[in-house]
Amino acid sequence: MENHSLTKRKLVKQIGSCALAAPFVANAVNASAKSLTESTNHLADQHEAWQQAQQIIDNIQTPKIPPVAVALAKFNPQADGTGDNTQVFSKAIEYLHQQGGGKLIVSAGVYQTGPIHLQSNIELHVEKDAVISFFADPEKYQPYVLTRWEGSDVLSYSPLIYAYKKHDIAITGEGTLQGNASADHWWPWRYKWKRGKLNLIEGESQDITRDQLRKMTADGTPIEQRVFKQNFLRPSFVQPYLCQRVLIEGVTLRNSPMWMLHPLVCSDVIVRNVQCLSFGPNSDGCDPESCRNVLIEGCVFDTADDSIAIKSGRDQDGRKHGIASENIVIRNCKMLDGDGAIAIGSEISGGVRNVFVENCFMDNPKLYRAVRIKTNSSRGGFIENIYIRNLTVNKVKDAIVINMRYNEDKIEPYITQVQNIQIENVQVADARRAFILKGDPRLPLKQVKLQSIDVKKVRKEDIIQDVAELTQHKIIVAGKNRQLG
């Protein structure tokens, strides 16, 4: 791993531009979106709240791609699953970029490649029966780029598809993006994983690098010094970072090294009719982090971790940037295997607000939790104005979980303020436990409203701790009216 360093000049330039994150996103938000955030600050009425959800959707801007199309075939790729097309993709994207942008069409075939870095005004269109197959060799994903790993700033491996400070980008089509992670490649760095057998290599564990990164974060180490010779931090699959107007539509993603779709500090993001299929450790389906104005709809998630997890940075880094994830609508999605179907956290130190989830179907006996909000006293930040309705759940371990003590190994002063969580019309066929609501005694859960929730079958009692304001109506568990608390 010798080629990990950027030149000092490039590194300083890139790190310096990271400090522009807040104004970069803020300038992309029009006046109506700003007024929406202000108006939803303390919403309590369900009808009014869902009107605001529609306003969020109406305000999202779609990418503006010039009406120019070029076939990847023009650049003589190898489409038989052999060779290395990394430079072919790079040259094709640069060619379109020089023309002012357009659509790069990848026709039927199998195209091996290293990382693909998108430019502004570019649409990567993967046609049916086309497979972009990414190498599973970490050396291919150097030099390092500016990214986040589990909410901490770091210079690390390039995501498989990456865009930094770009605008108007899209990934579309009915083709497949194959990450090629497996029990032999990428995933073994997780080392300890309870859901499957990994072919481990002694001395290659993400714990080695993660622990160093966590210490650097706590110590306030400058980002340009967060570079590791022993680097076992798996990259995300698709990561637009500091981008405006992003569309990901129609494609199927398979076997990701880690998080699959990871828009980071972006505005105006649409994820539509995408399939995320990956059964490895930390294979979250879609994790918008510190993003604003996001629509996720019509997607299928079949992963070994959270289907959707909304995040906003971790601990000191997240609090320092202070960029919330807000104005997010999730609808008409299907969640199968996984940890949490709809999750918020736990990396939420920049805050999460104005999230609307509706009309989702969850059906897999291995699904752990239908709704999962998780944080602890190391995070800080806030979670507020969360509206969830019309969920159908077949079998699940825990139906509704709000846990302010998630993985809390020590008590810290950075308590997350969690308030105005409204969940209604949830039908669950079978759950080990219906409700886990665990606040912090120093700052209990506030304004939690549960309405029209029917859990047909349960095996364990609810856990209700440190909830200051709980409103409930028509809660039925195992055929009987249930009064929580």
Protein backbone atom coordinates (compact mmCIF):
# COMPACT_ATOMS: atom_id res chain seq x y z
CA MET A 1 0.00 0.00 0.00
CA GLU A 2 2.65 2.49 -1.04
CA ASN A 3 0.70 4.79 -3.38
CA HIS A 4 -1.65 6.12 -0.72
CA SER A 5 -0.51 9.73 -0.45
CA LEU A 6 -1.72 12.70 -2.42
CA THR A 7 0.82 15.40 -3.17
CA LYS A 8 0.97 18.00 -0.42
CA ARG A 9 -0.33 20.76 -2.70
CA LYS A 10 -3.31 18.70 -3.92
CA LEU A 11 -4.01 17.47 -0.41
CA VAL A 12 -4.13 20.95 1.11
CA LYS A 13 -6.32 22.15 -1.74
CA GLN A 14 -8.76 19.28 -1.28
CA ILE A 15 -8.89 19.57 2.50
CA GLY A 16 -9.36 23.31 2.27
CA SER A 17 -12.32 22.87 -0.03
CA CYS A 18 -13.93 20.55 2.52
CA ALA A 19 -14.36 23.55 4.81
CA LEU A 20 -16.65 25.00 2.16
CA ALA A 21 -19.19 22.22 2.69
CA ALA A 22 -21.79 24.23 4.56
CA PRO A 23 -21.97 27.24 2.20
CA PHE A 24 -21.72 24.95 -0.84
CA VAL A 25 -24.89 23.14 0.17
CA ALA A 26 -26.61 26.20 1.58
CA ASN A 27 -26.22 28.12 -1.68
CA ALA A 28 -27.91 25.28 -3.52
CA VAL A 29 -31.11 25.61 -1.50
CA ASN A 30 -33.72 28.02 -2.77
CA ALA A 31 -35.79 30.32 -0.59
CA SER A 32 -38.80 28.03 -0.54
CA ALA A 33 -36.76 25.12 0.81
CA LYS A 34 -35.33 27.41 3.49
CA SER A 35 -38.78 28.49 4.56
CA LEU A 36 -39.86 24.84 4.59
CA THR A 37 -37.17 23.98 7.13
CA GLU A 38 -38.22 26.85 9.32
CA SER A 39 -41.90 25.98 9.10
CA THR A 40 -41.36 22.30 9.98
CA ASN A 41 -39.24 23.09 13.01
CA HIS A 42 -41.98 22.19 15.47
CA LEU A 43 -44.68 20.57 13.37
CA ALA A 44 -47.17 18.47 15.31
CA ASP A 45 -50.15 18.11 12.98
CA GLN A 46 -49.93 15.04 10.73
CA HIS A 47 -51.89 16.56 7.86
CA GLU A 48 -49.78 19.69 7.78
CA ALA A 49 -46.60 17.62 8.05
CA TRP A 50 -47.43 15.49 5.02
CA GLN A 51 -48.23 18.59 3.01
CA GLN A 52 -44.66 19.64 3.73
CA ALA A 53 -43.44 16.26 2.48
CA GLN A 54 -45.00 16.97 -0.89
CA GLN A 55 -43.42 20.40 -0.89
CA ILE A 56 -40.00 18.80 -0.35
CA ILE A 57 -40.56 16.55 -3.38
CA ASP A 58 -41.72 19.45 -5.51
CA ASN A 59 -38.63 21.46 -4.57
CA ILE A 60 -36.07 18.79 -5.48
CA GLN A 61 -34.18 19.75 -8.62
CA THR A 62 -33.25 17.06 -11.14
CA PRO A 63 -29.88 16.92 -12.95
CA LYS A 64 -29.53 18.91 -16.14
CA ILE A 65 -27.73 16.61 -18.58
CA PRO A 66 -27.00 18.00 -22.06
CA PRO A 67 -28.70 16.10 -24.93
CA VAL A 68 -25.47 14.52 -26.10
CA ALA A 69 -24.89 10.74 -26.05
CA VAL A 70 -21.67 8.84 -26.57
CA ALA A 71 -21.19 5.07 -26.46
CA LEU A 72 -18.38 3.66 -24.35
CA ALA A 73 -17.72 1.42 -27.36
CA LYS A 74 -16.25 4.47 -29.11
CA PHE A 75 -13.26 4.18 -26.78
CA ASN A 76 -12.52 0.50 -27.48
CA PRO A 77 -13.31 -1.13 -24.14
CA GLN A 78 -12.96 -4.82 -23.41
CA ALA A 79 -16.52 -6.01 -22.87
CA ASP A 80 -15.85 -9.71 -22.25
CA GLY A 81 -15.02 -9.56 -18.54
CA THR A 82 -11.26 -9.42 -19.09
CA GLY A 83 -8.73 -6.61 -19.09
CA ASP A 84 -8.88 -3.28 -17.29
CA ASN A 85 -11.24 -0.55 -18.49
CA THR A 86 -10.36 2.02 -15.84
CA GLN A 87 -8.66 4.37 -18.30
CA VAL A 88 -11.38 3.74 -20.89
CA PHE A 89 -14.06 5.04 -18.53
CA SER A 90 -11.82 7.94 -17.52
CA LYS A 91 -11.15 8.99 -21.12
CA ALA A 92 -14.82 8.67 -22.10
CA ILE A 93 -15.98 10.78 -19.15
CA GLU A 94 -13.30 13.40 -19.82
CA TYR A 95 -14.29 13.50 -23.50
CA LEU A 96 -17.91 14.21 -22.56
CA HIS A 97 -16.81 16.70 -19.94
CA GLN A 98 -14.88 18.65 -22.58
CA GLN A 99 -18.04 18.74 -24.72
CA GLY A 100 -19.99 20.25 -21.81
CA GLY A 101 -21.41 16.95 -20.57
CA GLY A 102 -23.86 14.32 -21.76
CA LYS A 103 -24.77 10.64 -21.48
CA LEU A 104 -22.16 7.88 -21.52
CA ILE A 105 -23.88 4.69 -22.71
CA VAL A 106 -22.56 1.34 -21.55
CA SER A 107 -24.07 -1.38 -23.75
CA ALA A 108 -24.40 -5.12 -23.09
CA GLY A 109 -21.23 -6.81 -21.91
CA VAL A 110 -19.04 -7.18 -18.83
CA TYR A 111 -16.59 -4.35 -18.19
CA GLN A 112 -13.89 -4.82 -15.58
CA THR A 113 -12.68 -1.57 -14.05
CA GLY A 114 -11.24 0.23 -11.10
CA PRO A 115 -12.85 3.38 -9.65
CA ILE A 116 -15.02 5.59 -11.86
CA HIS A 117 -14.90 9.31 -11.06
CA LEU A 118 -17.77 11.32 -12.49
CA GLN A 119 -17.63 14.89 -13.74
CA SER A 120 -20.38 17.52 -13.72
CA ASN A 121 -23.19 17.20 -16.27
CA ILE A 122 -22.44 13.51 -16.86
CA GLU A 123 -24.93 10.63 -16.90
CA LEU A 124 -23.52 7.13 -16.69
CA HIS A 125 -26.17 5.02 -18.41
CA VAL A 126 -25.83 1.25 -17.93
CA GLU A 127 -28.06 -0.59 -20.37
CA LYS A 128 -29.82 -3.88 -19.72
CA ASP A 129 -27.38 -6.84 -19.81
CA ALA A 130 -24.45 -4.50 -19.18
CA VAL A 131 -22.35 -5.20 -16.10
CA ILE A 132 -19.72 -2.83 -14.75
CA SER A 133 -17.59 -5.18 -12.68
CA PHE A 134 -15.24 -3.53 -10.19
CA PHE A 135 -11.92 -5.01 -9.20
CA ALA A 136 -11.73 -6.26 -5.62
CA ASP A 137 -8.06 -5.26 -5.29
CA PRO A 138 -7.65 -2.37 -2.79
CA GLU A 139 -4.55 -1.15 -4.64
CA LYS A 140 -6.78 -0.19 -7.56
CA TYR A 141 -8.55 2.40 -5.37
CA GLN A 142 -5.52 4.59 -4.77
CA PRO A 143 -4.48 7.38 -4.63
CA TYR A 144 -6.67 8.13 -1.65
CA VAL A 145 -9.54 10.61 -1.77
CA LEU A 146 -11.33 12.74 0.79
CA THR A 147 -14.21 10.75 2.22
CA ARG A 148 -15.89 9.77 5.47
CA TRP A 149 -15.77 6.38 7.10
CA GLU A 150 -18.63 5.72 9.51
CA GLY A 151 -19.05 9.48 9.90
CA SER A 152 -15.37 10.35 10.47
CA ASP A 153 -13.35 12.44 8.00
CA VAL A 154 -10.45 10.55 6.45
CA LEU A 155 -8.26 10.22 3.38
CA SER A 156 -8.84 6.68 2.22
CA TYR A 157 -9.65 4.37 -0.67
CA SER A 158 -11.74 5.84 -3.45
CA PRO A 159 -15.36 4.68 -3.51
CA LEU A 160 -16.04 2.49 -6.53
CA ILE A 161 -18.02 5.35 -8.12
CA TYR A 162 -17.05 8.77 -6.77
CA ALA A 163 -17.79 12.41 -7.49
CA TYR A 164 -16.35 15.31 -5.51
CA LYS A 165 -17.82 18.82 -5.70
CA LYS A 166 -19.69 18.11 -8.92
CA HIS A 167 -23.17 19.06 -10.05
CA ASP A 168 -25.81 17.49 -12.30
CA ILE A 169 -24.69 13.85 -12.24
CA ALA A 170 -26.67 10.69 -12.85
CA ILE A 171 -26.32 6.90 -12.86
CA THR A 172 -29.19 5.30 -14.76
CA GLY A 173 -30.27 2.26 -16.75
CA GLU A 174 -31.32 -1.34 -16.18
CA GLY A 175 -27.80 -2.73 -15.94
CA THR A 176 -25.75 -3.98 -13.00
CA LEU A 177 -22.96 -2.51 -10.92
CA GLN A 178 -21.03 -5.46 -9.48
CA GLY A 179 -18.80 -4.63 -6.50
CA ASN A 180 -17.34 -8.16 -6.23
CA ALA A 181 -16.95 -8.04 -2.47
CA SER A 182 -17.08 -11.52 -0.96
CA ALA A 183 -15.93 -13.71 1.90
CA ASP A 184 -12.47 -13.52 0.30
CA HIS A 185 -12.32 -9.86 -0.75
CA TRP A 186 -13.10 -6.64 1.17
CA TRP A 187 -15.53 -8.24 3.64
CA PRO A 188 -12.84 -10.10 5.68
CA TRP A 189 -11.54 -6.73 6.88
CA ARG A 190 -14.68 -6.54 9.03
CA TYR A 191 -13.08 -9.49 10.85
CA LYS A 192 -15.80 -10.17 13.41
CA TRP A 193 -19.18 -10.76 11.79
CA LYS A 194 -21.96 -12.79 13.33
CA ARG A 195 -23.99 -13.36 10.16
CA GLY A 196 -21.57 -15.35 8.06
CA LYS A 197 -18.14 -16.95 7.67
CA LEU A 198 -15.34 -14.79 6.32
CA ASN A 199 -11.95 -16.03 5.15
CA LEU A 200 -9.85 -13.95 7.51
CA ILE A 201 -6.20 -13.00 7.15
CA GLU A 202 -4.30 -12.50 10.38
CA GLY A 203 -3.39 -8.85 10.93
CA GLU A 204 -5.91 -7.51 8.39
CA SER A 205 -8.78 -6.07 10.42
CA GLN A 206 -10.59 -2.77 10.16
CA ASP A 207 -10.28 -2.51 13.96
CA ILE A 208 -6.60 -1.63 13.53
CA THR A 209 -7.28 1.40 11.34
CA ARG A 210 -10.65 2.31 12.85
CA ASP A 211 -9.23 2.64 16.35
CA GLN A 212 -6.51 4.98 15.08
CA LEU A 213 -9.06 7.05 13.20
CA ARG A 214 -11.35 7.31 16.21
CA LYS A 215 -8.43 8.56 18.34
CA MET A 216 -7.44 11.10 15.69
CA THR A 217 -11.03 12.34 15.56
CA ALA A 218 -11.17 12.69 19.35
CA ASP A 219 -7.80 14.48 19.36
CA GLY A 220 -8.83 16.87 16.58
CA THR A 221 -6.08 15.66 14.24
CA PRO A 222 -6.16 17.62 10.94
CA ILE A 223 -7.71 15.64 8.12
CA GLU A 224 -4.56 15.76 5.97
CA GLN A 225 -2.80 13.71 8.65
CA ARG A 226 -5.47 11.02 8.73
CA VAL A 227 -3.65 8.77 6.28
CA PHE A 228 -2.83 5.15 7.12
CA LYS A 229 -0.12 2.82 5.82
CA GLN A 230 -2.08 -0.10 7.27
CA ASN A 231 -5.50 0.77 5.90
CA PHE A 232 -8.34 -1.72 6.30
CA LEU A 233 -11.23 0.74 5.91
CA ARG A 234 -13.57 -0.57 3.24
CA PRO A 235 -14.88 2.05 0.76
CA SER A 236 -18.48 2.84 -0.07
CA PHE A 237 -19.81 1.68 -3.44
CA VAL A 238 -21.30 4.93 -4.80
CA GLN A 239 -20.41 8.21 -3.11
CA PRO A 240 -21.21 11.66 -4.48
CA TYR A 241 -19.54 14.08 -2.06
CA LEU A 242 -20.44 17.79 -1.96
CA CYS A 243 -22.59 17.42 -5.05
CA GLN A 244 -25.73 19.15 -6.28
CA ARG A 245 -28.52 17.50 -8.26
CA VAL A 246 -27.85 13.77 -8.17
CA LEU A 247 -29.99 11.04 -9.76
CA ILE A 248 -29.49 7.29 -9.29
CA GLU A 249 -32.22 5.37 -11.09
CA GLY A 250 -32.97 1.86 -12.31
CA VAL A 251 -29.64 0.14 -11.75
CA THR A 252 -28.91 -2.92 -9.63
CA LEU A 253 -25.99 -2.88 -7.21
CA ARG A 254 -24.47 -6.11 -5.95
CA ASN A 255 -21.85 -7.11 -3.39
CA SER A 256 -20.60 -3.83 -2.00
CA PRO A 257 -17.41 -3.53 0.07
CA MET A 258 -19.39 -1.51 2.62
CA TRP A 259 -22.23 1.05 2.38
CA MET A 260 -23.84 0.87 -1.04
CA LEU A 261 -25.31 4.30 -1.87
CA HIS A 262 -23.68 6.99 0.26
CA PRO A 263 -24.53 10.53 -0.83
CA LEU A 264 -22.42 12.77 1.41
CA VAL A 265 -23.10 16.49 1.97
CA CYS A 266 -25.27 16.66 -1.14
CA SER A 267 -28.42 18.57 -2.05
CA ASP A 268 -31.24 17.53 -4.38
CA VAL A 269 -30.76 13.77 -4.48
CA ILE A 270 -33.15 11.27 -6.09
CA VAL A 271 -32.73 7.50 -5.67
CA ARG A 272 -35.46 5.77 -7.66
CA ASN A 273 -36.26 2.17 -8.64
CA VAL A 274 -32.82 0.92 -7.59
CA GLN A 275 -32.09 -2.58 -6.31
CA CYS A 276 -29.44 -2.93 -3.59
CA LEU A 277 -28.42 -6.56 -3.09
CA SER A 278 -25.47 -7.33 -0.84
CA PHE A 279 -25.10 -9.86 1.98
CA GLY A 280 -21.84 -8.71 3.51
CA PRO A 281 -20.98 -6.81 6.70
CA ASN A 282 -22.12 -3.17 6.82
CA SER A 283 -23.83 -3.49 3.43
CA ASP A 284 -26.28 -0.66 4.15
CA GLY A 285 -28.46 0.01 1.13
CA CYS A 286 -28.74 3.81 1.06
CA ASP A 287 -27.16 6.11 3.66
CA PRO A 288 -27.70 9.82 2.95
CA GLU A 289 -25.27 11.65 5.23
CA SER A 290 -25.57 15.39 5.90
CA CYS A 291 -27.79 15.69 2.83
CA ARG A 292 -30.67 18.01 2.10
CA ASN A 293 -33.72 17.54 -0.14
CA VAL A 294 -33.66 13.78 -0.79
CA LEU A 295 -36.24 11.45 -2.37
CA ILE A 296 -35.85 7.67 -2.12
CA GLU A 297 -38.68 5.81 -3.85
CA GLY A 298 -39.59 2.51 -5.45
CA CYS A 299 -36.39 0.76 -4.36
CA VAL A 300 -35.73 -2.81 -3.22
CA PHE A 301 -33.22 -3.44 -0.45
CA ASP A 302 -31.99 -6.95 0.33
CA THR A 303 -28.87 -6.49 2.42
CA ALA A 304 -27.20 -7.74 5.57
CA ASP A 305 -27.45 -4.40 7.35
CA ASP A 306 -29.73 -1.34 7.38
CA SER A 307 -31.80 -0.85 4.22
CA ILE A 308 -31.83 2.93 4.63
CA ALA A 309 -29.86 4.71 7.38
CA ILE A 310 -29.92 8.49 7.62
CA LYS A 311 -26.71 9.95 9.07
CA SER A 312 -24.92 13.29 9.64
CA GLY A 313 -21.38 12.67 10.88
CA ARG A 314 -19.98 11.08 14.00
CA ASP A 315 -18.97 12.65 17.32
CA GLN A 316 -16.44 15.51 17.11
CA ASP A 317 -16.33 15.61 13.30
CA GLY A 318 -20.11 15.65 12.99
CA ARG A 319 -20.55 18.31 15.65
CA LYS A 320 -17.76 20.42 14.13
CA HIS A 321 -19.32 20.45 10.67
CA GLY A 322 -22.84 20.77 12.05
CA ILE A 323 -24.49 19.84 8.74
CA ALA A 324 -27.83 18.12 9.31
CA SER A 325 -29.60 15.61 7.12
CA GLU A 326 -32.98 17.17 6.46
CA ASN A 327 -35.98 17.23 4.17
CA ILE A 328 -35.92 13.54 3.25
CA VAL A 329 -38.85 11.59 1.80
CA ILE A 330 -38.86 7.78 1.57
CA ARG A 331 -41.81 6.03 -0.05
CA ASN A 332 -42.95 2.86 -1.81
CA CYS A 333 -39.86 0.83 -0.99
CA LYS A 334 -39.46 -2.85 -0.20
CA MET A 335 -37.06 -4.01 2.51
CA LEU A 336 -36.11 -7.66 2.82
CA ASP A 337 -33.17 -9.08 4.80
CA GLY A 338 -31.25 -6.65 6.98
CA ASP A 339 -30.69 -5.06 10.36
CA GLY A 340 -33.02 -2.07 10.25
CA ALA A 341 -35.46 -1.37 7.43
CA ILE A 342 -35.81 2.34 8.18
CA ALA A 343 -32.96 3.58 10.38
CA ILE A 344 -31.76 6.94 11.64
CA GLY A 345 -28.28 6.93 13.16
CA SER A 346 -26.23 6.20 14.87
CA GLU A 347 -23.83 8.73 13.30
CA ILE A 348 -26.15 11.75 13.68
CA SER A 349 -23.94 14.34 15.38
CA GLY A 350 -24.87 16.99 12.82
CA GLY A 351 -28.59 16.37 13.42
CA VAL A 352 -31.51 14.88 11.47
CA ARG A 353 -34.82 16.63 10.89
CA ASN A 354 -37.87 16.56 8.63
CA VAL A 355 -37.95 12.91 7.56
CA PHE A 356 -41.09 11.43 5.99
CA VAL A 357 -41.53 7.68 5.39
CA GLU A 358 -44.65 6.11 3.90
CA ASN A 359 -46.02 3.07 2.11
CA CYS A 360 -43.13 0.67 2.63
CA PHE A 361 -43.29 -3.12 2.76
CA MET A 362 -40.97 -5.24 4.89
CA ASP A 363 -40.93 -8.98 4.36
CA ASN A 364 -38.16 -11.30 5.49
CA PRO A 365 -37.91 -13.51 8.60
CA LYS A 366 -34.27 -12.38 9.03
CA LEU A 367 -35.16 -8.68 9.29
CA TYR A 368 -34.17 -7.39 12.72
CA ARG A 369 -36.05 -4.09 13.07
CA ALA A 370 -38.71 -2.29 11.05
CA VAL A 371 -38.12 1.22 12.44
CA ARG A 372 -34.85 1.93 14.23
CA ILE A 373 -33.69 5.27 15.65
CA LYS A 374 -30.31 4.91 17.36
CA THR A 375 -27.89 7.27 19.10
CA ASN A 376 -25.92 7.61 22.32
CA SER A 377 -24.33 10.23 24.56
CA SER A 378 -21.16 10.43 22.46
CA ARG A 379 -23.07 11.80 19.47
CA GLY A 380 -24.86 15.02 20.38
CA GLY A 381 -26.96 16.57 17.64
CA PHE A 382 -30.71 16.14 17.39
CA ILE A 383 -33.40 13.97 15.82
CA GLU A 384 -36.69 15.74 15.30
CA ASN A 385 -39.76 15.91 13.09
CA ILE A 386 -39.83 12.28 11.99
CA TYR A 387 -43.11 11.17 10.39
CA ILE A 388 -43.71 7.52 9.50
CA ARG A 389 -46.95 5.96 8.25
CA ASN A 390 -48.43 3.05 6.33
CA LEU A 391 -45.88 0.31 6.94
CA THR A 392 -46.65 -3.37 6.37
CA VAL A 393 -44.29 -5.76 8.14
CA ASN A 394 -44.36 -9.54 7.91
CA LYS A 395 -41.89 -10.93 10.46
CA VAL A 396 -39.36 -8.89 12.42
CA LYS A 397 -37.29 -9.16 15.58
CA ASP A 398 -38.26 -5.76 17.05
CA ALA A 399 -40.97 -3.68 15.39
CA ILE A 400 -40.32 -0.10 16.59
CA VAL A 401 -37.08 0.88 18.30
CA ILE A 402 -35.98 4.31 19.55
CA ASN A 403 -32.77 3.82 21.50
CA MET A 404 -30.75 6.73 22.92
CA ARG A 405 -28.32 4.30 24.60
CA TYR A 406 -27.22 2.42 21.48
CA ASN A 407 -23.81 0.72 21.92
CA GLU A 408 -23.09 3.08 24.80
CA ASP A 409 -20.00 1.80 26.59
CA LYS A 410 -19.49 4.98 28.63
CA ILE A 411 -21.60 7.95 29.66
CA GLU A 412 -20.70 11.14 27.76
CA PRO A 413 -22.22 14.65 27.97
CA TYR A 414 -23.24 14.86 24.29
CA ILE A 415 -26.88 13.85 24.61
CA THR A 416 -28.95 13.79 21.46
CA GLN A 417 -32.22 15.71 21.64
CA VAL A 418 -34.89 13.38 20.29
CA GLN A 419 -38.37 14.85 19.86
CA ASN A 420 -41.48 14.89 17.72
CA ILE A 421 -41.47 11.32 16.42
CA GLN A 422 -44.84 10.36 14.95
CA ILE A 423 -45.57 6.82 13.75
CA GLU A 424 -49.00 5.71 12.53
CA ASN A 425 -50.75 2.91 10.70
CA VAL A 426 -48.20 0.12 11.09
CA GLN A 427 -49.28 -3.51 10.61
CA VAL A 428 -46.93 -6.23 11.91
CA ALA A 429 -47.68 -9.94 11.55
CA ASP A 430 -45.02 -11.33 13.89
CA ALA A 431 -42.44 -9.71 16.18
CA ARG A 432 -40.29 -10.87 19.05
CA ARG A 433 -40.98 -7.50 20.70
CA ALA A 434 -43.32 -4.71 19.62
CA PHE A 435 -41.68 -1.61 21.18
CA ILE A 436 -38.32 -0.56 22.57
CA LEU A 437 -38.32 3.09 23.64
CA LYS A 438 -35.17 3.97 25.60
CA GLY A 439 -34.42 7.59 26.36
CA ASP A 440 -31.66 9.17 28.43
CA PRO A 441 -32.64 10.07 31.99
CA ARG A 442 -30.82 13.41 31.58
CA LEU A 443 -32.85 14.27 28.46
CA PRO A 444 -35.78 11.87 27.96
CA LEU A 445 -37.57 11.21 24.69
CA LYS A 446 -40.13 13.92 24.00
CA GLN A 447 -43.24 14.18 21.88
CA VAL A 448 -43.45 10.56 20.76
CA LYS A 449 -46.81 9.82 19.15
CA LEU A 450 -47.90 6.28 18.25
CA GLN A 451 -51.21 5.71 16.52
CA SER A 452 -53.00 2.78 14.87
CA ILE A 453 -50.26 0.19 15.37
CA ASP A 454 -51.27 -3.47 15.29
CA VAL A 455 -48.75 -6.20 16.13
CA LYS A 456 -50.46 -9.57 15.70
CA LYS A 457 -47.98 -11.78 17.51
CA VAL A 458 -45.25 -11.09 20.10
CA ARG A 459 -43.07 -13.14 22.45
CA LYS A 460 -41.43 -10.58 24.76
CA GLU A 461 -42.53 -7.57 26.79
CA ASP A 462 -41.95 -4.02 25.64
CA ILE A 463 -39.09 -1.92 27.01
CA ILE A 464 -40.12 1.64 27.86
CA GLN A 465 -37.57 3.82 29.70
CA ASP A 466 -37.13 7.57 30.13
CA VAL A 467 -39.92 8.77 27.85
CA ALA A 468 -41.25 12.16 28.98
CA GLU A 469 -44.10 12.68 26.54
CA LEU A 470 -45.78 9.69 24.95
CA THR A 471 -49.11 9.98 23.13
CA GLN A 472 -50.73 6.74 22.05
CA HIS A 473 -53.96 5.77 20.35
CA LYS A 474 -55.22 2.44 19.05
CA ILE A 475 -52.21 0.34 20.00
CA ILE A 476 -53.07 -3.34 19.65
CA VAL A 477 -50.62 -6.09 20.56
CA ALA A 478 -51.52 -9.77 20.28
CA GLY A 479 -55.17 -8.87 19.80
CA LYS A 480 -55.40 -6.72 22.92
CA ASN A 481 -55.35 -2.98 23.49
CA ARG A 482 -51.94 -1.98 24.83
CA GLN A 483 -51.10 1.01 27.00
CA LEU A 484 -47.35 1.68 26.95
CA GLY A 485 -45.39 3.08 29.84
